[in-house]
Amino acid sequence: METRVAVIGIIVERPDSAEQVNAVLHEYADRIIGRMGIPYREKGISIISVAADAPQDEISALSGKLGRIPGVSVKAAYAKGY
């Protein structure tokens, strides 16, 4: 199956949602190339970027699961031609 390279931007506005975010990311660990998390203490949020290489439907499923967690916003951007 053809895969796509994507970056998924995640903003966690509720600290109590972080455990759920990590659990979902763990489900897709074999598709994740890398991730970076930045706590923005002044605003009380966390910013996470995830690089993934997976079929587009799996990236959409991951984004959808994350977006359904309360206090979490998600956007995915896909590389062209990869």
C-alpha atoms as a PDB file:
ATOM      1  CA  MET A   1       0.000   0.000   0.000  1.00  0.00           C
ATOM      2  CA  GLU A   2       1.266   3.476  -0.896  1.00  0.00           C
ATOM      3  CA  THR A   3       2.303   5.676   1.998  1.00  0.00           C
ATOM      4  CA  ARG A   4       2.428   9.433   2.400  1.00  0.00           C
ATOM      5  CA  VAL A   5       4.777  11.569   4.444  1.00  0.00           C
ATOM      6  CA  ALA A   6       2.977  14.039   6.690  1.00  0.00           C
ATOM      7  CA  VAL A   7       3.493  16.316   9.637  1.00  0.00           C
ATOM      8  CA  ILE A   8       0.719  16.432  12.210  1.00  0.00           C
ATOM      9  CA  GLY A   9       0.468  19.540  14.378  1.00  0.00           C
ATOM     10  CA  ILE A  10      -1.169  18.998  17.759  1.00  0.00           C
ATOM     11  CA  ILE A  11      -2.079  21.616  20.363  1.00  0.00           C
ATOM     12  CA  VAL A  12      -3.051  20.311  23.796  1.00  0.00           C
ATOM     13  CA  GLU A  13      -4.962  22.937  25.769  1.00  0.00           C
ATOM     14  CA  ARG A  14      -5.943  20.669  28.668  1.00  0.00           C
ATOM     15  CA  PRO A  15      -3.083  19.030  30.579  1.00  0.00           C
ATOM     16  CA  ASP A  16      -5.378  16.194  31.650  1.00  0.00           C
ATOM     17  CA  SER A  17      -5.708  15.185  27.967  1.00  0.00           C
ATOM     18  CA  ALA A  18      -1.966  14.540  27.540  1.00  0.00           C
ATOM     19  CA  GLU A  19      -2.217  10.910  28.664  1.00  0.00           C
ATOM     20  CA  GLN A  20      -4.887  10.184  26.036  1.00  0.00           C
ATOM     21  CA  VAL A  21      -2.794  11.893  23.345  1.00  0.00           C
ATOM     22  CA  ASN A  22       0.212   9.753  24.232  1.00  0.00           C
ATOM     23  CA  ALA A  23      -1.912   6.594  24.204  1.00  0.00           C
ATOM     24  CA  VAL A  24      -3.187   7.335  20.684  1.00  0.00           C
ATOM     25  CA  LEU A  25       0.324   8.168  19.438  1.00  0.00           C
ATOM     26  CA  HIS A  26       1.546   4.881  20.914  1.00  0.00           C
ATOM     27  CA  GLU A  27      -1.049   3.003  18.817  1.00  0.00           C
ATOM     28  CA  TYR A  28       0.609   4.411  15.680  1.00  0.00           C
ATOM     29  CA  ALA A  29       4.219   4.189  16.879  1.00  0.00           C
ATOM     30  CA  ASP A  30       5.272   2.012  13.934  1.00  0.00           C
ATOM     31  CA  ARG A  31       4.158   4.770  11.512  1.00  0.00           C
ATOM     32  CA  ILE A  32       5.757   7.687  13.370  1.00  0.00           C
ATOM     33  CA  ILE A  33       9.143   8.873  12.101  1.00  0.00           C
ATOM     34  CA  GLY A  34       9.656  11.268  15.014  1.00  0.00           C
ATOM     35  CA  ARG A  35       7.962  13.700  17.332  1.00  0.00           C
ATOM     36  CA  MET A  36       8.776  16.885  19.192  1.00  0.00           C
ATOM     37  CA  GLY A  37       6.871  18.319  22.109  1.00  0.00           C
ATOM     38  CA  ILE A  38       7.163  21.851  23.435  1.00  0.00           C
ATOM     39  CA  PRO A  39       5.472  22.898  26.671  1.00  0.00           C
ATOM     40  CA  TYR A  40       4.410  26.542  26.443  1.00  0.00           C
ATOM     41  CA  ARG A  41       4.081  27.193  30.159  1.00  0.00           C
ATOM     42  CA  GLU A  42       3.160  30.872  29.832  1.00  0.00           C
ATOM     43  CA  LYS A  43       0.010  29.893  27.929  1.00  0.00           C
ATOM     44  CA  GLY A  44      -0.593  26.584  29.723  1.00  0.00           C
ATOM     45  CA  ILE A  45      -0.564  24.550  26.503  1.00  0.00           C
ATOM     46  CA  SER A  46       1.649  21.968  24.820  1.00  0.00           C
ATOM     47  CA  ILE A  47       2.586  21.966  21.149  1.00  0.00           C
ATOM     48  CA  ILE A  48       3.473  18.641  19.539  1.00  0.00           C
ATOM     49  CA  SER A  49       4.637  17.966  16.013  1.00  0.00           C
ATOM     50  CA  VAL A  50       4.639  14.429  14.665  1.00  0.00           C
ATOM     51  CA  ALA A  51       6.271  13.306  11.424  1.00  0.00           C
ATOM     52  CA  ALA A  52       4.645  10.175   9.984  1.00  0.00           C
ATOM     53  CA  ASP A  53       4.974   7.883   6.972  1.00  0.00           C
ATOM     54  CA  ALA A  54       1.751   5.924   6.528  1.00  0.00           C
ATOM     55  CA  PRO A  55      -1.168   5.364   4.176  1.00  0.00           C
ATOM     56  CA  GLN A  56      -3.300   8.492   3.987  1.00  0.00           C
ATOM     57  CA  ASP A  57      -6.264   6.753   5.637  1.00  0.00           C
ATOM     58  CA  GLU A  58      -4.118   5.873   8.673  1.00  0.00           C
ATOM     59  CA  ILE A  59      -2.877   9.456   9.003  1.00  0.00           C
ATOM     60  CA  SER A  60      -6.489  10.645   8.771  1.00  0.00           C
ATOM     61  CA  ALA A  61      -7.544   8.082  11.393  1.00  0.00           C
ATOM     62  CA  LEU A  62      -4.741   9.188  13.722  1.00  0.00           C
ATOM     63  CA  SER A  63      -5.653  12.854  13.266  1.00  0.00           C
ATOM     64  CA  GLY A  64      -9.332  12.071  13.813  1.00  0.00           C
ATOM     65  CA  LYS A  65      -8.711  10.126  17.031  1.00  0.00           C
ATOM     66  CA  LEU A  66      -6.540  12.923  18.378  1.00  0.00           C
ATOM     67  CA  GLY A  67      -9.052  15.594  17.380  1.00  0.00           C
ATOM     68  CA  ARG A  68     -11.831  13.861  19.330  1.00  0.00           C
ATOM     69  CA  ILE A  69      -9.897  14.189  22.597  1.00  0.00           C
ATOM     70  CA  PRO A  70     -11.266  17.121  24.634  1.00  0.00           C
ATOM     71  CA  GLY A  71      -8.988  20.154  24.539  1.00  0.00           C
ATOM     72  CA  VAL A  72      -6.929  18.917  21.579  1.00  0.00           C
ATOM     73  CA  SER A  73      -6.653  20.601  18.153  1.00  0.00           C
ATOM     74  CA  VAL A  74      -5.041  18.794  15.201  1.00  0.00           C
ATOM     75  CA  LYS A  75      -4.037  19.580  11.606  1.00  0.00           C
ATOM     76  CA  ALA A  76      -2.137  17.417   9.123  1.00  0.00           C
ATOM     77  CA  ALA A  77      -0.052  18.615   6.194  1.00  0.00           C
ATOM     78  CA  TYR A  78       1.098  16.174   3.505  1.00  0.00           C
ATOM     79  CA  ALA A  79       4.296  16.212   1.447  1.00  0.00           C
ATOM     80  CA  LYS A  80       3.732  16.304  -2.292  1.00  0.00           C
ATOM     81  CA  GLY A  81       4.826  13.183  -4.128  1.00  0.00           C
ATOM     82  CA  TYR A  82       6.193  11.141  -1.216  1.00  0.00           C
END
